Amino acid sequence: MAIRNVVQVGDDVLRKKCFEVTSFDAKLAQLLDDMKDTVRREEGAGLAAPQVGVLRRAVVVDVDEGFFELVNPVIVESKGSQTGYEGCLSVRGRRGVVTRPMTVTVEYFDRKGKPRKLTAHGFFARAVCHELDHLDGILYIDRAERVERETD
């Protein structure tokens, strides 16, 4: 396993739409393992493949509810709304106020290609939506009501 470099805002890869994963193989497993190591090293809540320079529809989310790998994820239902601060490993030193659904249901595949479904609430839902946006070239700064410098 390896720590990958996190691409920063301004790199064109962050603005591209990702391709569907079609091979559930050792290469995908390595990508997911590396993304897990990277998000934990960076102390983030999630990481999408384009953030490590790979244009594939794969994300990892690491929140209180657990660690999740979502391949070819699609939000099939959303309810409610929540507004709060978000940051991003690809937009260092800034945070923004973003409105997201309070609850989302996502259909996806696991690393072996098995179909799965999960429902996320609160911060977990926020993290899922944030990471899935990356797969379509959308950054939280595009959705933010305002963006400001982070303060320590």
Protein backbone atom coordinates (compact mmCIF):
# COMPACT_ATOMS: atom_id res chain seq x y z
CA MET A 1 0.00 0.00 0.00
CA ALA A 2 1.09 3.54 -0.62
CA ILE A 3 0.34 7.14 0.19
CA ARG A 4 -0.59 9.00 -2.98
CA ASN A 5 -0.18 12.70 -3.69
CA VAL A 6 -3.42 14.64 -3.34
CA VAL A 7 -4.09 16.82 -6.40
CA GLN A 8 -4.76 20.49 -5.60
CA VAL A 9 -7.32 22.93 -6.96
CA GLY A 10 -6.14 24.32 -10.29
CA ASP A 11 -5.21 20.88 -11.65
CA ASP A 12 -7.50 20.06 -14.60
CA VAL A 13 -8.07 16.48 -13.40
CA LEU A 14 -10.33 17.80 -10.63
CA ARG A 15 -12.70 19.31 -13.20
CA LYS A 16 -13.17 16.22 -15.36
CA LYS A 17 -16.00 13.70 -15.26
CA CYS A 18 -14.76 10.27 -14.20
CA PHE A 19 -15.18 7.04 -16.12
CA GLU A 20 -17.17 4.10 -14.81
CA VAL A 21 -15.16 1.28 -13.27
CA THR A 22 -15.55 -1.82 -15.45
CA SER A 23 -12.82 -4.08 -14.04
CA PHE A 24 -13.02 -5.17 -10.43
CA ASP A 25 -9.45 -6.38 -10.32
CA ALA A 26 -6.16 -6.08 -8.44
CA LYS A 27 -5.57 -2.62 -9.92
CA LEU A 28 -8.86 -1.35 -8.43
CA ALA A 29 -8.05 -3.02 -5.09
CA GLN A 30 -4.64 -1.30 -5.05
CA LEU A 31 -6.24 2.07 -5.81
CA LEU A 32 -8.77 1.63 -2.98
CA ASP A 33 -6.08 0.49 -0.54
CA ASP A 34 -3.90 3.48 -1.44
CA MET A 35 -6.85 5.85 -1.11
CA LYS A 36 -7.58 4.45 2.36
CA ASP A 37 -3.97 4.96 3.45
CA THR A 38 -3.93 8.45 1.95
CA VAL A 39 -7.20 9.69 3.50
CA ARG A 40 -6.12 8.42 6.92
CA ARG A 41 -2.66 9.98 6.61
CA GLU A 42 -4.27 13.29 5.61
CA GLU A 43 -6.92 12.95 8.36
CA GLY A 44 -9.78 13.52 5.92
CA ALA A 45 -13.37 12.32 5.93
CA GLY A 46 -13.17 11.04 2.38
CA LEU A 47 -11.23 10.91 -0.87
CA ALA A 48 -12.27 10.47 -4.48
CA ALA A 49 -10.11 8.85 -7.17
CA PRO A 50 -9.63 12.08 -9.17
CA GLN A 51 -8.07 13.63 -6.06
CA VAL A 52 -5.20 11.19 -6.54
CA GLY A 53 -5.14 11.73 -10.31
CA VAL A 54 -7.26 8.73 -11.35
CA LEU A 55 -10.37 9.41 -13.46
CA ARG A 56 -12.44 6.50 -12.18
CA ARG A 57 -15.76 6.52 -10.28
CA ALA A 58 -14.44 5.36 -6.92
CA VAL A 59 -14.48 7.04 -3.50
CA VAL A 60 -13.64 6.19 0.07
CA VAL A 61 -15.42 7.69 3.08
CA ASP A 62 -13.95 7.46 6.59
CA VAL A 63 -16.41 8.69 9.22
CA ASP A 64 -17.67 7.70 12.68
CA GLU A 65 -20.02 5.16 11.07
CA GLY A 66 -17.03 3.33 9.59
CA PHE A 67 -14.87 3.10 6.50
CA PHE A 68 -16.67 2.71 3.17
CA GLU A 69 -15.51 2.03 -0.39
CA LEU A 70 -18.02 3.05 -3.07
CA VAL A 71 -17.42 2.10 -6.69
CA ASN A 72 -19.69 3.56 -9.39
CA PRO A 73 -21.88 5.17 -6.71
CA VAL A 74 -25.24 6.75 -7.55
CA ILE A 75 -27.49 8.68 -5.17
CA VAL A 76 -30.96 7.18 -5.60
CA GLU A 77 -32.77 9.13 -2.89
CA SER A 78 -32.18 12.22 -0.80
CA LYS A 79 -34.20 13.87 1.97
CA GLY A 80 -34.04 17.03 4.03
CA SER A 81 -31.23 19.53 4.10
CA GLN A 82 -28.34 20.64 6.27
CA THR A 83 -26.06 23.62 5.98
CA GLY A 84 -22.56 23.64 7.40
CA TYR A 85 -18.85 24.03 6.84
CA GLU A 86 -16.86 21.82 4.49
CA GLY A 87 -13.21 21.61 3.67
CA CYS A 88 -11.36 19.51 1.13
CA LEU A 89 -7.97 17.85 0.90
CA SER A 90 -7.72 19.33 -2.62
CA VAL A 91 -8.56 22.89 -1.47
CA ARG A 92 -6.09 23.44 1.36
CA GLY A 93 -6.48 26.31 3.80
CA ARG A 94 -10.09 27.13 2.97
CA ARG A 95 -13.54 26.12 4.13
CA GLY A 96 -16.99 26.96 2.86
CA VAL A 97 -20.62 26.90 3.89
CA VAL A 98 -22.50 24.33 1.80
CA THR A 99 -26.08 23.04 1.86
CA ARG A 100 -26.43 19.27 1.33
CA PRO A 101 -29.17 16.68 1.88
CA MET A 102 -29.61 15.45 5.47
CA THR A 103 -30.08 11.86 4.28
CA VAL A 104 -28.96 10.09 1.10
CA THR A 105 -29.36 6.56 -0.16
CA VAL A 106 -26.61 5.36 -2.46
CA GLU A 107 -26.36 2.32 -4.70
CA TYR A 108 -22.81 1.26 -5.50
CA PHE A 109 -20.50 -1.72 -5.96
CA ASP A 110 -17.89 -3.00 -3.55
CA ARG A 111 -14.31 -3.70 -4.63
CA LYS A 112 -15.31 -7.18 -5.83
CA GLY A 113 -18.18 -5.94 -7.99
CA LYS A 114 -21.00 -6.91 -5.64
CA PRO A 115 -23.97 -4.48 -5.69
CA ARG A 116 -24.54 -2.67 -2.40
CA LYS A 117 -26.80 0.00 -0.97
CA LEU A 118 -26.40 2.31 2.02
CA THR A 119 -28.28 5.14 3.66
CA ALA A 120 -26.25 7.92 5.23
CA HIS A 121 -27.42 10.64 7.63
CA GLY A 122 -25.94 13.93 8.85
CA PHE A 123 -22.19 14.36 8.45
CA PHE A 124 -21.94 10.93 6.79
CA ALA A 125 -24.42 12.09 4.10
CA ARG A 126 -22.47 15.34 3.70
CA ALA A 127 -19.22 13.42 3.20
CA VAL A 128 -20.80 11.05 0.65
CA CYS A 129 -22.26 13.94 -1.37
CA HIS A 130 -18.97 15.85 -1.26
CA GLU A 131 -16.99 12.86 -2.56
CA LEU A 132 -19.53 11.94 -5.24
CA ASP A 133 -19.39 15.52 -6.55
CA HIS A 134 -15.68 14.99 -7.23
CA LEU A 135 -16.59 12.22 -9.69
CA ASP A 136 -18.35 14.81 -11.86
CA GLY A 137 -15.67 17.49 -11.59
CA ILE A 138 -17.54 19.51 -8.94
CA LEU A 139 -15.75 20.97 -5.93
CA TYR A 140 -17.45 22.15 -2.75
CA ILE A 141 -16.33 25.70 -3.59
CA ASP A 142 -18.72 25.55 -6.59
CA ARG A 143 -21.67 24.95 -4.24
CA ALA A 144 -20.59 27.11 -1.30
CA GLU A 145 -22.60 30.11 -0.19
CA ARG A 146 -19.27 31.60 0.88
CA VAL A 147 -15.65 30.44 1.13
CA GLU A 148 -13.19 31.68 3.73
CA ARG A 149 -9.71 30.98 4.97
CA GLU A 150 -9.46 28.34 7.68
CA THR A 151 -8.43 29.60 11.10
CA ASP A 152 -6.54 27.56 13.65
